[in-house]
């Protein structure tokens, strides 16, 4: 008589995205807090988190990326002038910050945090090359994705990434499974 199949736990994926709802800035704060908690606990975490400064009619939204390791700030918004409604994201600032992810690839930390998979990455630029290199090398990656880019994210990852709710418990559970698998 054949043995019944043994139930196994679902595969642990080394790549995950927090799918944010309406509170995009809250999700970025969650990612930042999570990464800093791991660092405080002695985990080897690298990457960039997004910091949004205040908004004014004269300068628009001011955004920057912060290197979790060095504290270096990379401005990623450009002044488009008063009244502009265009996207103020500065691709040159994102390109400058990409050095953080390339350094992380060389270090092979326990986790690399990337502020977001957004419009640039969906088009194949921004941090796309660095994300692909990290994933190909098996380095765990956690990022943020907006619902409008989920189809592009799934295609980008070959549908081989976990999608997490913007909840601290979900992030900790995912990272615990990833860390246990690495041991």
C-alpha atoms as a PDB file:
ATOM      1  CA  UNK A   1       0.000   0.000   0.000  1.00  0.00           C
ATOM      2  CA  UNK A   2       1.526   3.373  -0.985  1.00  0.00           C
ATOM      3  CA  UNK A   3       2.374   5.859   1.731  1.00  0.00           C
ATOM      4  CA  UNK A   4       0.365   9.085   1.791  1.00  0.00           C
ATOM      5  CA  UNK A   5       2.353  12.139   0.721  1.00  0.00           C
ATOM      6  CA  UNK A   6       4.085  13.978   3.525  1.00  0.00           C
ATOM      7  CA  UNK A   7       2.766  17.484   3.975  1.00  0.00           C
ATOM      8  CA  UNK A   8       5.538  19.973   3.637  1.00  0.00           C
ATOM      9  CA  UNK A   9       5.726  23.590   4.599  1.00  0.00           C
ATOM     10  CA  UNK A  10       5.404  26.072   1.757  1.00  0.00           C
ATOM     11  CA  UNK A  11       8.661  27.107   0.148  1.00  0.00           C
ATOM     12  CA  UNK A  12      10.313  30.142   1.663  1.00  0.00           C
ATOM     13  CA  UNK A  13      10.881  32.817  -0.916  1.00  0.00           C
ATOM     14  CA  UNK A  14      13.905  35.038  -0.469  1.00  0.00           C
ATOM     15  CA  UNK A  15      12.199  37.971  -2.171  1.00  0.00           C
ATOM     16  CA  UNK A  16       9.174  39.821  -0.847  1.00  0.00           C
ATOM     17  CA  UNK A  17       7.282  43.028  -1.422  1.00  0.00           C
ATOM     18  CA  UNK A  18       5.082  44.888   0.991  1.00  0.00           C
ATOM     19  CA  UNK A  19       1.964  45.797  -0.972  1.00  0.00           C
ATOM     20  CA  UNK A  20       0.895  49.155   0.356  1.00  0.00           C
ATOM     21  CA  UNK A  21      -2.606  50.473   0.515  1.00  0.00           C
ATOM     22  CA  UNK A  22      -3.617  54.097   0.698  1.00  0.00           C
ATOM     23  CA  UNK A  23      -0.991  54.973   3.337  1.00  0.00           C
ATOM     24  CA  UNK A  24       2.122  54.857   1.162  1.00  0.00           C
ATOM     25  CA  UNK A  25       4.220  56.956   3.545  1.00  0.00           C
ATOM     26  CA  UNK A  26       3.145  54.740   6.452  1.00  0.00           C
ATOM     27  CA  UNK A  27       4.404  51.705   4.532  1.00  0.00           C
ATOM     28  CA  UNK A  28       7.751  53.400   3.936  1.00  0.00           C
ATOM     29  CA  UNK A  29       7.986  54.183   7.665  1.00  0.00           C
ATOM     30  CA  UNK A  30       7.146  50.535   8.421  1.00  0.00           C
ATOM     31  CA  UNK A  31       9.972  49.332   6.163  1.00  0.00           C
ATOM     32  CA  UNK A  32      12.394  51.803   7.755  1.00  0.00           C
ATOM     33  CA  UNK A  33      11.378  50.802  11.304  1.00  0.00           C
ATOM     34  CA  UNK A  34      11.604  47.093  10.461  1.00  0.00           C
ATOM     35  CA  UNK A  35      15.101  47.441   8.968  1.00  0.00           C
ATOM     36  CA  UNK A  36      16.330  49.447  11.952  1.00  0.00           C
ATOM     37  CA  UNK A  37      14.893  46.900  14.415  1.00  0.00           C
ATOM     38  CA  UNK A  38      16.804  44.140  12.649  1.00  0.00           C
ATOM     39  CA  UNK A  39      19.993  46.220  12.735  1.00  0.00           C
ATOM     40  CA  UNK A  40      19.536  46.864  16.463  1.00  0.00           C
ATOM     41  CA  UNK A  41      19.200  43.118  17.011  1.00  0.00           C
ATOM     42  CA  UNK A  42      22.548  42.565  15.320  1.00  0.00           C
ATOM     43  CA  UNK A  43      21.358  41.410  11.894  1.00  0.00           C
ATOM     44  CA  UNK A  44      23.398  42.282   8.817  1.00  0.00           C
ATOM     45  CA  UNK A  45      20.963  44.472   6.856  1.00  0.00           C
ATOM     46  CA  UNK A  46      21.818  46.827   4.003  1.00  0.00           C
ATOM     47  CA  UNK A  47      19.890  48.934   1.537  1.00  0.00           C
ATOM     48  CA  UNK A  48      17.989  52.177   1.173  1.00  0.00           C
ATOM     49  CA  UNK A  49      14.804  53.516   2.730  1.00  0.00           C
ATOM     50  CA  UNK A  50      12.775  56.472   1.531  1.00  0.00           C
ATOM     51  CA  UNK A  51      12.476  59.685   3.475  1.00  0.00           C
ATOM     52  CA  UNK A  52       9.891  62.250   2.452  1.00  0.00           C
ATOM     53  CA  UNK A  53      10.460  65.796   3.579  1.00  0.00           C
ATOM     54  CA  UNK A  54       7.787  68.417   3.735  1.00  0.00           C
ATOM     55  CA  UNK A  55       5.862  69.641   0.740  1.00  0.00           C
ATOM     56  CA  UNK A  56       5.660  73.256  -0.316  1.00  0.00           C
ATOM     57  CA  UNK A  57       4.060  75.046  -3.226  1.00  0.00           C
ATOM     58  CA  UNK A  58       7.469  76.428  -4.224  1.00  0.00           C
ATOM     59  CA  UNK A  59       9.579  73.280  -4.103  1.00  0.00           C
ATOM     60  CA  UNK A  60       7.005  70.473  -4.331  1.00  0.00           C
ATOM     61  CA  UNK A  61       7.586  67.125  -2.658  1.00  0.00           C
ATOM     62  CA  UNK A  62      11.155  66.559  -1.448  1.00  0.00           C
ATOM     63  CA  UNK A  63      12.240  62.904  -1.338  1.00  0.00           C
ATOM     64  CA  UNK A  64      15.526  61.243  -0.538  1.00  0.00           C
ATOM     65  CA  UNK A  65      16.898  57.766  -0.019  1.00  0.00           C
ATOM     66  CA  UNK A  66      18.870  56.994   3.116  1.00  0.00           C
ATOM     67  CA  UNK A  67      21.652  54.394   3.140  1.00  0.00           C
ATOM     68  CA  UNK A  68      20.964  52.158   6.157  1.00  0.00           C
ATOM     69  CA  UNK A  69      24.683  51.492   6.631  1.00  0.00           C
ATOM     70  CA  UNK A  70      26.383  54.857   6.199  1.00  0.00           C
ATOM     71  CA  UNK A  71      23.485  57.223   6.796  1.00  0.00           C
ATOM     72  CA  UNK A  72      24.287  58.955   3.507  1.00  0.00           C
ATOM     73  CA  UNK A  73      21.312  60.708   1.947  1.00  0.00           C
ATOM     74  CA  UNK A  74      20.579  60.648  -1.791  1.00  0.00           C
ATOM     75  CA  UNK A  75      18.089  63.268  -3.010  1.00  0.00           C
ATOM     76  CA  UNK A  76      15.704  61.692  -5.518  1.00  0.00           C
ATOM     77  CA  UNK A  77      13.339  64.553  -6.285  1.00  0.00           C
ATOM     78  CA  UNK A  78      13.812  67.457  -8.616  1.00  0.00           C
ATOM     79  CA  UNK A  79      12.341  70.940  -8.440  1.00  0.00           C
ATOM     80  CA  UNK A  80       9.909  71.252 -11.318  1.00  0.00           C
ATOM     81  CA  UNK A  81       8.758  74.710 -10.319  1.00  0.00           C
ATOM     82  CA  UNK A  82       5.619  76.046  -8.736  1.00  0.00           C
ATOM     83  CA  UNK A  83       2.368  74.554  -9.895  1.00  0.00           C
ATOM     84  CA  UNK A  84       3.891  71.521 -11.621  1.00  0.00           C
ATOM     85  CA  UNK A  85       1.822  68.367 -11.377  1.00  0.00           C
ATOM     86  CA  UNK A  86       4.397  66.134 -13.087  1.00  0.00           C
ATOM     87  CA  UNK A  87       6.268  63.390 -11.249  1.00  0.00           C
ATOM     88  CA  UNK A  88       9.241  64.957  -9.487  1.00  0.00           C
ATOM     89  CA  UNK A  89      11.252  61.723  -9.232  1.00  0.00           C
ATOM     90  CA  UNK A  90      14.852  62.315 -10.330  1.00  0.00           C
ATOM     91  CA  UNK A  91      16.264  59.229 -12.084  1.00  0.00           C
ATOM     92  CA  UNK A  92      19.803  60.600 -11.636  1.00  0.00           C
ATOM     93  CA  UNK A  93      19.352  60.545  -7.853  1.00  0.00           C
ATOM     94  CA  UNK A  94      18.152  56.949  -7.993  1.00  0.00           C
ATOM     95  CA  UNK A  95      21.165  56.049 -10.159  1.00  0.00           C
ATOM     96  CA  UNK A  96      23.498  57.651  -7.603  1.00  0.00           C
ATOM     97  CA  UNK A  97      21.887  55.643  -4.786  1.00  0.00           C
ATOM     98  CA  UNK A  98      22.291  52.382  -6.724  1.00  0.00           C
ATOM     99  CA  UNK A  99      25.861  52.158  -5.401  1.00  0.00           C
ATOM    100  CA  UNK A 100      24.351  51.162  -2.041  1.00  0.00           C
ATOM    101  CA  UNK A 101      22.727  48.092  -3.590  1.00  0.00           C
ATOM    102  CA  UNK A 102      25.833  47.143  -5.568  1.00  0.00           C
ATOM    103  CA  UNK A 103      27.863  47.319  -2.353  1.00  0.00           C
ATOM    104  CA  UNK A 104      25.234  45.169  -0.634  1.00  0.00           C
ATOM    105  CA  UNK A 105      25.568  42.548  -3.362  1.00  0.00           C
ATOM    106  CA  UNK A 106      29.289  42.312  -2.634  1.00  0.00           C
ATOM    107  CA  UNK A 107      28.677  42.034   1.130  1.00  0.00           C
ATOM    108  CA  UNK A 108      25.912  39.398   0.921  1.00  0.00           C
ATOM    109  CA  UNK A 109      23.991  40.575   4.009  1.00  0.00           C
ATOM    110  CA  UNK A 110      21.111  38.710   5.623  1.00  0.00           C
ATOM    111  CA  UNK A 111      18.680  41.155   4.005  1.00  0.00           C
ATOM    112  CA  UNK A 112      18.731  43.975   1.480  1.00  0.00           C
ATOM    113  CA  UNK A 113      15.975  46.552   1.799  1.00  0.00           C
ATOM    114  CA  UNK A 114      15.005  48.517  -1.308  1.00  0.00           C
ATOM    115  CA  UNK A 115      12.675  51.470  -0.849  1.00  0.00           C
ATOM    116  CA  UNK A 116      10.343  50.487  -3.662  1.00  0.00           C
ATOM    117  CA  UNK A 117       9.659  48.754  -6.927  1.00  0.00           C
ATOM    118  CA  UNK A 118       8.046  51.647  -8.756  1.00  0.00           C
ATOM    119  CA  UNK A 119       7.616  53.256 -12.120  1.00  0.00           C
ATOM    120  CA  UNK A 120      11.330  53.252 -12.997  1.00  0.00           C
ATOM    121  CA  UNK A 121      11.809  49.579 -12.115  1.00  0.00           C
ATOM    122  CA  UNK A 122       8.584  48.605 -13.915  1.00  0.00           C
ATOM    123  CA  UNK A 123      10.098  50.205 -17.033  1.00  0.00           C
ATOM    124  CA  UNK A 124      13.388  48.330 -16.542  1.00  0.00           C
ATOM    125  CA  UNK A 125      15.478  51.171 -15.099  1.00  0.00           C
ATOM    126  CA  UNK A 126      15.916  52.593 -11.598  1.00  0.00           C
ATOM    127  CA  UNK A 127      17.052  49.751  -9.333  1.00  0.00           C
ATOM    128  CA  UNK A 128      15.946  46.993 -11.757  1.00  0.00           C
ATOM    129  CA  UNK A 129      19.469  45.758 -12.576  1.00  0.00           C
ATOM    130  CA  UNK A 130      20.531  45.748  -8.921  1.00  0.00           C
ATOM    131  CA  UNK A 131      17.360  43.942  -7.832  1.00  0.00           C
ATOM    132  CA  UNK A 132      17.883  41.278 -10.490  1.00  0.00           C
ATOM    133  CA  UNK A 133      21.534  40.819  -9.476  1.00  0.00           C
ATOM    134  CA  UNK A 134      20.592  40.430  -5.799  1.00  0.00           C
ATOM    135  CA  UNK A 135      17.833  37.944  -6.607  1.00  0.00           C
ATOM    136  CA  UNK A 136      20.060  35.957  -8.981  1.00  0.00           C
ATOM    137  CA  UNK A 137      22.696  35.706  -6.250  1.00  0.00           C
ATOM    138  CA  UNK A 138      20.153  34.465  -3.705  1.00  0.00           C
ATOM    139  CA  UNK A 139      20.393  37.510  -1.417  1.00  0.00           C
ATOM    140  CA  UNK A 140      17.118  38.086   0.462  1.00  0.00           C
ATOM    141  CA  UNK A 141      15.368  41.264  -0.694  1.00  0.00           C
ATOM    142  CA  UNK A 142      12.444  43.191   0.772  1.00  0.00           C
ATOM    143  CA  UNK A 143      10.831  46.097  -1.050  1.00  0.00           C
ATOM    144  CA  UNK A 144       7.548  47.982  -1.362  1.00  0.00           C
ATOM    145  CA  UNK A 145       5.188  47.849  -4.338  1.00  0.00           C
ATOM    146  CA  UNK A 146       2.033  49.771  -5.138  1.00  0.00           C
ATOM    147  CA  UNK A 147      -1.000  47.766  -6.256  1.00  0.00           C
ATOM    148  CA  UNK A 148      -0.817  49.453  -9.677  1.00  0.00           C
ATOM    149  CA  UNK A 149       2.616  47.859 -10.271  1.00  0.00           C
ATOM    150  CA  UNK A 150       1.791  44.342  -9.029  1.00  0.00           C
ATOM    151  CA  UNK A 151       1.537  42.878 -12.539  1.00  0.00           C
ATOM    152  CA  UNK A 152       4.957  44.301 -13.442  1.00  0.00           C
ATOM    153  CA  UNK A 153       6.411  43.110 -10.104  1.00  0.00           C
ATOM    154  CA  UNK A 154       5.110  39.596 -10.671  1.00  0.00           C
ATOM    155  CA  UNK A 155       6.540  39.513 -14.196  1.00  0.00           C
ATOM    156  CA  UNK A 156       9.845  40.962 -12.942  1.00  0.00           C
ATOM    157  CA  UNK A 157      10.209  38.262 -10.262  1.00  0.00           C
ATOM    158  CA  UNK A 158       8.816  35.448 -12.380  1.00  0.00           C
ATOM    159  CA  UNK A 159       5.946  35.351  -9.872  1.00  0.00           C
ATOM    160  CA  UNK A 160       8.441  33.985  -7.336  1.00  0.00           C
ATOM    161  CA  UNK A 161       8.154  36.556  -4.561  1.00  0.00           C
ATOM    162  CA  UNK A 162       6.023  36.793  -1.460  1.00  0.00           C
ATOM    163  CA  UNK A 163       3.535  39.646  -1.233  1.00  0.00           C
ATOM    164  CA  UNK A 164       3.137  40.897   2.308  1.00  0.00           C
ATOM    165  CA  UNK A 165       0.562  43.161   3.932  1.00  0.00           C
ATOM    166  CA  UNK A 166       1.885  46.374   5.498  1.00  0.00           C
ATOM    167  CA  UNK A 167       2.038  44.876   8.996  1.00  0.00           C
ATOM    168  CA  UNK A 168       5.111  44.523  11.205  1.00  0.00           C
ATOM    169  CA  UNK A 169       4.149  40.969  12.215  1.00  0.00           C
ATOM    170  CA  UNK A 170       4.039  39.839   8.579  1.00  0.00           C
ATOM    171  CA  UNK A 171       7.520  41.274   7.959  1.00  0.00           C
ATOM    172  CA  UNK A 172       8.974  39.620  11.049  1.00  0.00           C
ATOM    173  CA  UNK A 173       7.366  36.267  10.193  1.00  0.00           C
ATOM    174  CA  UNK A 174       8.732  36.386   6.641  1.00  0.00           C
ATOM    175  CA  UNK A 175      12.244  37.360   7.770  1.00  0.00           C
ATOM    176  CA  UNK A 176      12.277  34.653  10.458  1.00  0.00           C
ATOM    177  CA  UNK A 177      11.479  32.005   7.836  1.00  0.00           C
ATOM    178  CA  UNK A 178      14.155  33.383   5.504  1.00  0.00           C
ATOM    179  CA  UNK A 179      16.765  33.496   8.292  1.00  0.00           C
ATOM    180  CA  UNK A 180      15.940  29.927   9.411  1.00  0.00           C
ATOM    181  CA  UNK A 181      16.299  28.664   5.867  1.00  0.00           C
ATOM    182  CA  UNK A 182      19.722  30.306   5.591  1.00  0.00           C
ATOM    183  CA  UNK A 183      21.044  28.440   8.645  1.00  0.00           C
END
